[in-house]
């Protein structure tokens, strides 16, 4: 029976979430504001995100956000691995 290492799955999910966060930061820093708002509105099924967008985020808040998002991704990945391992146990 195959099992998934919660630590490795957490690292994979956390890394993927961190890269997604950095991609979001990159888009917000390089693309015009109207295009960013249109992009995120389309992702959110037409919900207007413009009133909650922050364009003046300091660099240290972006680093904290990256760390938090990576940790949450790690926790989610580890949880998925643990739940997978529990659900794949052979019946006794």
N, C-alpha and C. Protein backbone atom coordinates (compact mmCIF):
# COMPACT_ATOMS: atom_id res chain seq x y z
N UNK A 1 0.84 -1.18 0.00
CA UNK A 1 0.00 0.00 0.00
C UNK A 1 0.89 1.25 0.00
N UNK A 2 0.63 2.17 -0.88
CA UNK A 2 1.39 3.41 -0.96
C UNK A 2 0.88 4.42 0.05
N UNK A 3 1.81 5.15 0.64
CA UNK A 3 1.45 6.24 1.53
C UNK A 3 2.15 7.50 1.05
N UNK A 4 1.65 8.63 1.49
CA UNK A 4 2.23 9.93 1.15
C UNK A 4 2.87 10.50 2.40
N UNK A 5 4.07 10.98 2.27
CA UNK A 5 4.75 11.62 3.39
C UNK A 5 4.13 12.99 3.65
N UNK A 6 3.53 13.20 4.83
CA UNK A 6 2.94 14.51 5.12
C UNK A 6 3.97 15.65 5.04
N UNK A 7 5.19 15.38 5.46
CA UNK A 7 6.22 16.43 5.41
C UNK A 7 6.53 16.83 3.97
N UNK A 8 6.71 15.83 3.11
CA UNK A 8 7.01 16.13 1.70
C UNK A 8 5.83 16.76 0.98
N UNK A 9 4.63 16.26 1.24
CA UNK A 9 3.45 16.85 0.62
C UNK A 9 3.28 18.29 1.09
N UNK A 10 3.54 18.53 2.38
CA UNK A 10 3.45 19.89 2.91
C UNK A 10 4.44 20.81 2.24
N UNK A 11 5.67 20.32 2.04
CA UNK A 11 6.68 21.15 1.37
C UNK A 11 6.26 21.44 -0.07
N UNK A 12 5.71 20.46 -0.75
CA UNK A 12 5.28 20.66 -2.14
C UNK A 12 4.14 21.67 -2.23
N UNK A 13 3.12 21.49 -1.39
CA UNK A 13 1.99 22.43 -1.40
C UNK A 13 2.43 23.82 -0.95
N UNK A 14 3.25 23.88 0.09
CA UNK A 14 3.73 25.17 0.58
C UNK A 14 4.56 25.90 -0.46
N UNK A 15 5.41 25.17 -1.15
CA UNK A 15 6.20 25.78 -2.22
C UNK A 15 5.34 26.28 -3.37
N UNK A 16 4.34 25.48 -3.74
CA UNK A 16 3.43 25.90 -4.81
C UNK A 16 2.65 27.15 -4.40
N UNK A 17 2.17 27.18 -3.17
CA UNK A 17 1.44 28.36 -2.69
C UNK A 17 2.34 29.59 -2.64
N UNK A 18 3.58 29.40 -2.21
CA UNK A 18 4.53 30.51 -2.18
C UNK A 18 4.79 31.06 -3.57
N UNK A 19 4.96 30.17 -4.55
CA UNK A 19 5.17 30.61 -5.93
C UNK A 19 3.94 31.34 -6.48
N UNK A 20 2.76 30.85 -6.14
CA UNK A 20 1.54 31.54 -6.56
C UNK A 20 1.46 32.94 -5.96
N UNK A 21 1.84 33.07 -4.70
CA UNK A 21 1.83 34.37 -4.04
C UNK A 21 2.82 35.32 -4.73
N UNK A 22 4.02 34.83 -5.02
CA UNK A 22 5.00 35.66 -5.70
C UNK A 22 4.52 36.06 -7.09
N UNK A 23 3.84 35.14 -7.77
CA UNK A 23 3.25 35.46 -9.07
C UNK A 23 2.21 36.56 -8.97
N UNK A 24 1.41 36.50 -7.93
CA UNK A 24 0.39 37.53 -7.71
C UNK A 24 1.06 38.88 -7.45
N UNK A 25 2.10 38.89 -6.61
CA UNK A 25 2.83 40.12 -6.34
C UNK A 25 3.43 40.67 -7.63
N UNK A 26 4.02 39.79 -8.44
CA UNK A 26 4.62 40.22 -9.70
C UNK A 26 3.57 40.85 -10.62
N UNK A 27 2.41 40.21 -10.74
CA UNK A 27 1.34 40.75 -11.59
C UNK A 27 0.90 42.12 -11.08
N UNK A 28 0.72 42.24 -9.80
CA UNK A 28 0.23 43.52 -9.25
C UNK A 28 1.26 44.63 -9.40
N UNK A 29 2.54 44.29 -9.47
CA UNK A 29 3.59 45.31 -9.60
C UNK A 29 3.89 45.68 -11.05
N UNK A 30 3.54 44.83 -12.00
CA UNK A 30 3.96 45.06 -13.38
C UNK A 30 2.81 45.35 -14.35
N UNK A 31 1.60 45.00 -14.01
CA UNK A 31 0.46 45.15 -14.92
C UNK A 31 -0.34 46.38 -14.49
N UNK A 32 -0.90 47.11 -15.45
CA UNK A 32 -1.72 48.28 -15.08
C UNK A 32 -2.89 47.91 -14.17
N UNK A 33 -3.24 48.84 -13.28
CA UNK A 33 -4.28 48.57 -12.27
C UNK A 33 -5.59 48.10 -12.87
N UNK A 34 -6.03 48.71 -13.97
CA UNK A 34 -7.32 48.30 -14.55
C UNK A 34 -7.28 46.85 -15.03
N UNK A 35 -6.16 46.45 -15.59
CA UNK A 35 -6.04 45.06 -16.06
C UNK A 35 -5.99 44.08 -14.89
N UNK A 36 -5.32 44.47 -13.80
CA UNK A 36 -5.26 43.61 -12.61
C UNK A 36 -6.66 43.44 -12.03
N UNK A 37 -7.40 44.53 -11.91
CA UNK A 37 -8.76 44.46 -11.36
C UNK A 37 -9.63 43.59 -12.27
N UNK A 38 -9.54 43.76 -13.56
CA UNK A 38 -10.33 42.95 -14.50
C UNK A 38 -9.96 41.47 -14.37
N UNK A 39 -8.67 41.18 -14.24
CA UNK A 39 -8.20 39.79 -14.10
C UNK A 39 -8.77 39.16 -12.83
N UNK A 40 -8.63 39.84 -11.68
CA UNK A 40 -9.11 39.26 -10.44
C UNK A 40 -10.63 39.24 -10.36
N UNK A 41 -11.30 40.18 -10.99
CA UNK A 41 -12.76 40.13 -11.06
C UNK A 41 -13.21 38.88 -11.82
N UNK A 42 -12.50 38.53 -12.89
CA UNK A 42 -12.89 37.34 -13.65
C UNK A 42 -12.64 36.06 -12.86
N UNK A 43 -11.57 36.04 -12.07
CA UNK A 43 -11.31 34.87 -11.21
C UNK A 43 -12.38 34.74 -10.14
N UNK A 44 -12.87 35.85 -9.62
CA UNK A 44 -13.85 35.85 -8.53
C UNK A 44 -15.29 35.82 -9.05
N UNK A 45 -15.49 35.37 -10.28
CA UNK A 45 -16.82 35.21 -10.88
C UNK A 45 -17.58 36.53 -10.93
N UNK A 46 -16.88 37.60 -11.25
CA UNK A 46 -17.54 38.89 -11.44
C UNK A 46 -17.68 39.73 -10.19
N UNK A 47 -17.23 39.24 -9.04
CA UNK A 47 -17.28 40.06 -7.82
C UNK A 47 -16.26 41.18 -7.98
N UNK A 48 -16.65 42.40 -7.70
CA UNK A 48 -15.77 43.55 -7.85
C UNK A 48 -14.77 43.59 -6.70
N UNK A 49 -13.51 43.35 -7.00
CA UNK A 49 -12.47 43.35 -5.98
C UNK A 49 -11.76 44.69 -5.86
N UNK A 50 -12.11 45.64 -6.73
CA UNK A 50 -11.40 46.93 -6.73
C UNK A 50 -11.43 47.64 -5.39
N UNK A 51 -12.57 47.66 -4.66
CA UNK A 51 -12.56 48.37 -3.37
C UNK A 51 -11.64 47.76 -2.32
N UNK A 52 -11.28 46.50 -2.45
CA UNK A 52 -10.44 45.87 -1.43
C UNK A 52 -8.99 45.69 -1.87
N UNK A 53 -8.66 46.14 -3.08
CA UNK A 53 -7.29 46.03 -3.58
C UNK A 53 -6.41 47.07 -2.90
N UNK A 54 -5.20 46.65 -2.52
CA UNK A 54 -4.21 47.57 -1.94
C UNK A 54 -3.06 47.72 -2.91
N UNK A 55 -2.78 48.93 -3.30
CA UNK A 55 -1.71 49.19 -4.26
C UNK A 55 -0.45 49.70 -3.57
N UNK A 56 -0.53 50.00 -2.29
CA UNK A 56 0.61 50.61 -1.59
C UNK A 56 1.17 49.70 -0.48
N UNK A 57 1.18 48.41 -0.72
CA UNK A 57 1.66 47.47 0.30
C UNK A 57 3.18 47.57 0.42
N UNK A 58 3.68 47.75 1.64
CA UNK A 58 5.14 47.78 1.83
C UNK A 58 5.76 46.41 1.56
N UNK A 59 7.05 46.40 1.23
CA UNK A 59 7.73 45.16 0.88
C UNK A 59 7.73 44.17 2.03
N UNK A 60 7.83 44.66 3.27
CA UNK A 60 7.88 43.75 4.41
C UNK A 60 6.54 43.05 4.62
N UNK A 61 5.42 43.71 4.29
CA UNK A 61 4.12 43.04 4.38
C UNK A 61 3.99 41.96 3.31
N UNK A 62 4.57 42.19 2.15
CA UNK A 62 4.56 41.17 1.09
C UNK A 62 5.36 39.94 1.53
N UNK A 63 6.48 40.16 2.21
CA UNK A 63 7.28 39.03 2.71
C UNK A 63 6.52 38.25 3.77
N UNK A 64 5.87 38.98 4.68
CA UNK A 64 5.07 38.31 5.71
C UNK A 64 3.93 37.51 5.06
N UNK A 65 3.28 38.09 4.05
CA UNK A 65 2.21 37.39 3.34
C UNK A 65 2.72 36.14 2.65
N UNK A 66 3.90 36.22 2.05
CA UNK A 66 4.51 35.06 1.41
C UNK A 66 4.75 33.95 2.43
N UNK A 67 5.30 34.32 3.58
CA UNK A 67 5.57 33.32 4.63
C UNK A 67 4.27 32.70 5.13
N UNK A 68 3.26 33.53 5.38
CA UNK A 68 1.98 33.02 5.87
C UNK A 68 1.32 32.10 4.85
N UNK A 69 1.33 32.50 3.60
CA UNK A 69 0.70 31.69 2.55
C UNK A 69 1.43 30.37 2.39
N UNK A 70 2.77 30.39 2.50
CA UNK A 70 3.55 29.16 2.40
C UNK A 70 3.26 28.23 3.57
N UNK A 71 3.14 28.78 4.77
CA UNK A 71 2.84 27.96 5.94
C UNK A 71 1.45 27.35 5.82
N UNK A 72 0.48 28.14 5.39
CA UNK A 72 -0.87 27.60 5.20
C UNK A 72 -0.88 26.50 4.13
N UNK A 73 -0.11 26.69 3.07
CA UNK A 73 0.01 25.66 2.04
C UNK A 73 0.64 24.40 2.59
N UNK A 74 1.68 24.56 3.43
CA UNK A 74 2.32 23.40 4.05
C UNK A 74 1.31 22.64 4.91
N UNK A 75 0.55 23.37 5.71
CA UNK A 75 -0.45 22.72 6.57
C UNK A 75 -1.50 21.99 5.74
N UNK A 76 -1.95 22.62 4.67
CA UNK A 76 -2.95 21.99 3.81
C UNK A 76 -2.39 20.74 3.15
N UNK A 77 -1.17 20.82 2.65
CA UNK A 77 -0.55 19.65 2.01
C UNK A 77 -0.36 18.51 2.99
N UNK A 78 0.10 18.81 4.20
CA UNK A 78 0.27 17.77 5.21
C UNK A 78 -1.08 17.16 5.59
N UNK A 79 -2.11 17.99 5.70
CA UNK A 79 -3.45 17.49 6.03
C UNK A 79 -3.96 16.56 4.93
N UNK A 80 -3.78 16.95 3.68
CA UNK A 80 -4.22 16.09 2.57
C UNK A 80 -3.50 14.75 2.63
N UNK A 81 -2.19 14.76 2.89
CA UNK A 81 -1.42 13.51 2.97
C UNK A 81 -1.91 12.64 4.12
N UNK A 82 -2.14 13.23 5.28
CA UNK A 82 -2.61 12.46 6.43
C UNK A 82 -3.98 11.85 6.15
N UNK A 83 -4.88 12.65 5.59
CA UNK A 83 -6.22 12.14 5.28
C UNK A 83 -6.16 11.05 4.21
N UNK A 84 -5.29 11.22 3.23
CA UNK A 84 -5.11 10.18 2.22
C UNK A 84 -4.61 8.88 2.85
N UNK A 85 -3.61 9.00 3.71
CA UNK A 85 -3.05 7.81 4.36
C UNK A 85 -4.09 7.11 5.23
N UNK A 86 -4.91 7.88 5.93
CA UNK A 86 -5.96 7.27 6.76
C UNK A 86 -6.99 6.57 5.88
N UNK A 87 -7.38 7.23 4.79
CA UNK A 87 -8.43 6.65 3.95
C UNK A 87 -7.93 5.46 3.12
N UNK A 88 -6.63 5.32 2.96
CA UNK A 88 -6.12 4.21 2.15
C UNK A 88 -5.69 3.01 2.98
N UNK A 89 -5.95 3.04 4.26
CA UNK A 89 -5.63 1.88 5.10
C UNK A 89 -6.47 0.68 4.69
N UNK A 90 -5.87 -0.47 4.68
CA UNK A 90 -6.66 -1.66 4.34
C UNK A 90 -7.65 -1.97 5.46
N UNK A 91 -8.81 -2.46 5.08
CA UNK A 91 -9.80 -2.85 6.08
C UNK A 91 -9.31 -4.08 6.82
N UNK A 92 -9.53 -4.07 8.12
CA UNK A 92 -9.07 -5.20 8.95
C UNK A 92 -10.22 -6.09 9.31
